Amino acid sequence: MMHRTASRAFIALWTLATVATVCAFLVHLALRGKTVGLGYELGRARADQARLREVKRVLEVEAASYKTPERVEIVARTLLGMEAPSPDRIISIAPLDGPHEHAIAESDSREGTVSPP
């Protein structure tokens, strides 16, 4: 009788150990699959990041080209129909004389700028 009880206990423990091993293996496979999936997702994200950096670089170059005087002149002449002013349309502004010049010089000195002589 003692032999039969020991045999049943051994089979129960053996079955429990086998089930625990299978469960641990399945958890390992699930985690491994998740790790591989995250690796692929990370690769796609890095590819997108590289593509967006290239797009940013191209857009910065394009934005810088729009700021050049030549580009501004081309847009002004072609799209806006502007022309350089004729000499009779240019008006010179004389420098300020009198009390107003002193007030401007004071406000410039408070702001840290130097006023013209």
Protein backbone atom coordinates (compact mmCIF):
# COMPACT_ATOMS: atom_id res chain seq x y z
CA MET A 1 0.00 0.00 0.00
CA MET A 2 2.88 2.30 0.79
CA HIS A 3 4.32 1.68 -2.64
CA ARG A 4 1.04 2.58 -4.35
CA THR A 5 0.71 5.89 -2.43
CA ALA A 6 4.29 6.85 -3.25
CA SER A 7 3.69 6.00 -6.90
CA ARG A 8 0.56 8.19 -7.04
CA ALA A 9 2.38 11.07 -5.34
CA PHE A 10 5.25 10.74 -7.81
CA ILE A 11 2.87 10.75 -10.81
CA ALA A 12 1.02 13.79 -9.42
CA LEU A 13 4.27 15.67 -8.84
CA TRP A 14 5.59 14.61 -12.25
CA THR A 15 2.39 15.83 -13.95
CA LEU A 16 2.53 19.10 -12.03
CA ALA A 17 6.18 19.61 -13.01
CA THR A 18 5.39 18.85 -16.67
CA VAL A 19 2.45 21.28 -16.72
CA ALA A 20 4.57 23.98 -15.04
CA THR A 21 7.36 23.41 -17.58
CA VAL A 22 4.92 23.65 -20.51
CA CYS A 23 3.39 26.83 -19.06
CA ALA A 24 6.83 28.38 -18.55
CA PHE A 25 7.77 27.48 -22.14
CA LEU A 26 4.56 29.05 -23.48
CA VAL A 27 5.19 32.23 -21.49
CA HIS A 28 8.75 32.29 -22.85
CA LEU A 29 7.46 31.93 -26.43
CA ALA A 30 4.88 34.68 -25.91
CA LEU A 31 7.51 37.05 -24.50
CA ARG A 32 9.93 36.18 -27.30
CA GLY A 33 7.23 36.90 -29.90
CA LYS A 34 6.45 40.21 -28.22
CA THR A 35 10.17 41.10 -28.19
CA VAL A 36 10.53 40.34 -31.90
CA GLY A 37 7.40 42.37 -32.69
CA LEU A 38 8.72 45.33 -30.70
CA GLY A 39 12.05 45.03 -32.53
CA TYR A 40 10.31 45.32 -35.90
CA GLU A 41 8.24 48.25 -34.62
CA LEU A 42 11.40 49.97 -33.39
CA GLY A 43 13.02 49.47 -36.79
CA ARG A 44 10.03 51.06 -38.53
CA ALA A 45 10.05 53.97 -36.08
CA ARG A 46 13.76 54.57 -36.69
CA ALA A 47 13.21 54.48 -40.46
CA ASP A 48 10.39 57.02 -40.08
CA GLN A 49 12.64 59.17 -37.89
CA ALA A 50 15.40 59.13 -40.53
CA ARG A 51 12.88 59.99 -43.26
CA LEU A 52 11.45 62.88 -41.20
CA ARG A 53 14.94 64.22 -40.49
CA GLU A 54 15.65 64.25 -44.23
CA VAL A 55 12.34 66.01 -44.91
CA LYS A 56 13.18 68.58 -42.22
CA ARG A 57 16.62 69.19 -43.77
CA VAL A 58 15.09 69.67 -47.23
CA LEU A 59 12.44 72.05 -45.85
CA GLU A 60 15.09 74.08 -43.98
CA VAL A 61 17.09 74.45 -47.20
CA GLU A 62 13.93 75.44 -49.06
CA ALA A 63 12.97 77.97 -46.36
CA ALA A 64 16.47 79.47 -46.46
CA SER A 65 16.21 79.83 -50.23
CA TYR A 66 12.98 81.81 -49.82
CA LYS A 67 14.79 84.33 -47.61
CA THR A 68 17.44 85.28 -50.18
CA PRO A 69 17.10 88.75 -51.73
CA GLU A 70 17.12 87.24 -55.22
CA ARG A 71 14.15 85.01 -54.40
CA VAL A 72 12.24 87.91 -52.80
CA GLU A 73 12.87 90.03 -55.91
CA ILE A 74 11.70 87.24 -58.24
CA VAL A 75 8.49 86.74 -56.25
CA ALA A 76 7.89 90.49 -56.05
CA ARG A 77 8.33 90.97 -59.80
CA THR A 78 6.56 87.83 -61.08
CA LEU A 79 3.79 86.98 -58.62
CA LEU A 80 3.08 90.43 -57.19
CA GLY A 81 3.79 92.50 -60.30
CA MET A 82 6.06 94.92 -58.41
CA GLU A 83 8.77 97.04 -59.99
CA ALA A 84 11.67 99.06 -58.67
CA PRO A 85 10.54 102.63 -57.90
CA SER A 86 11.48 105.37 -60.31
CA PRO A 87 13.74 108.13 -58.92
CA ASP A 88 10.84 110.60 -58.76
CA ARG A 89 8.97 108.24 -56.35
CA ILE A 90 11.84 108.05 -53.85
CA ILE A 91 11.47 110.52 -50.97
CA SER A 92 14.37 111.32 -48.69
CA ILE A 93 13.62 111.91 -45.04
CA ALA A 94 15.77 114.53 -43.36
CA PRO A 95 17.20 113.77 -39.89
CA LEU A 96 15.20 115.09 -36.98
CA ASP A 97 16.31 118.36 -35.39
CA GLY A 98 15.23 119.86 -32.13
CA PRO A 99 13.70 118.48 -28.93
CA HIS A 100 12.39 115.31 -30.56
CA GLU A 101 15.92 114.14 -31.40
CA HIS A 102 16.92 114.43 -27.72
CA ALA A 103 13.91 112.31 -26.63
CA ILE A 104 14.75 109.63 -29.20
CA ALA A 105 18.38 109.55 -28.06
CA GLU A 106 17.26 109.08 -24.44
CA SER A 107 14.91 106.20 -25.29
CA ASP A 108 17.65 104.54 -27.38
CA SER A 109 20.17 104.83 -24.53
CA ARG A 110 17.69 103.22 -22.10
CA GLU A 111 17.24 100.29 -24.51
CA GLY A 112 21.00 99.84 -24.85
CA THR A 113 21.26 101.11 -28.41
CA VAL A 114 23.35 103.92 -29.71
CA SER A 115 21.59 106.73 -31.52
CA PRO A 116 23.05 108.13 -34.76
CA PRO A 117 25.07 111.35 -34.46
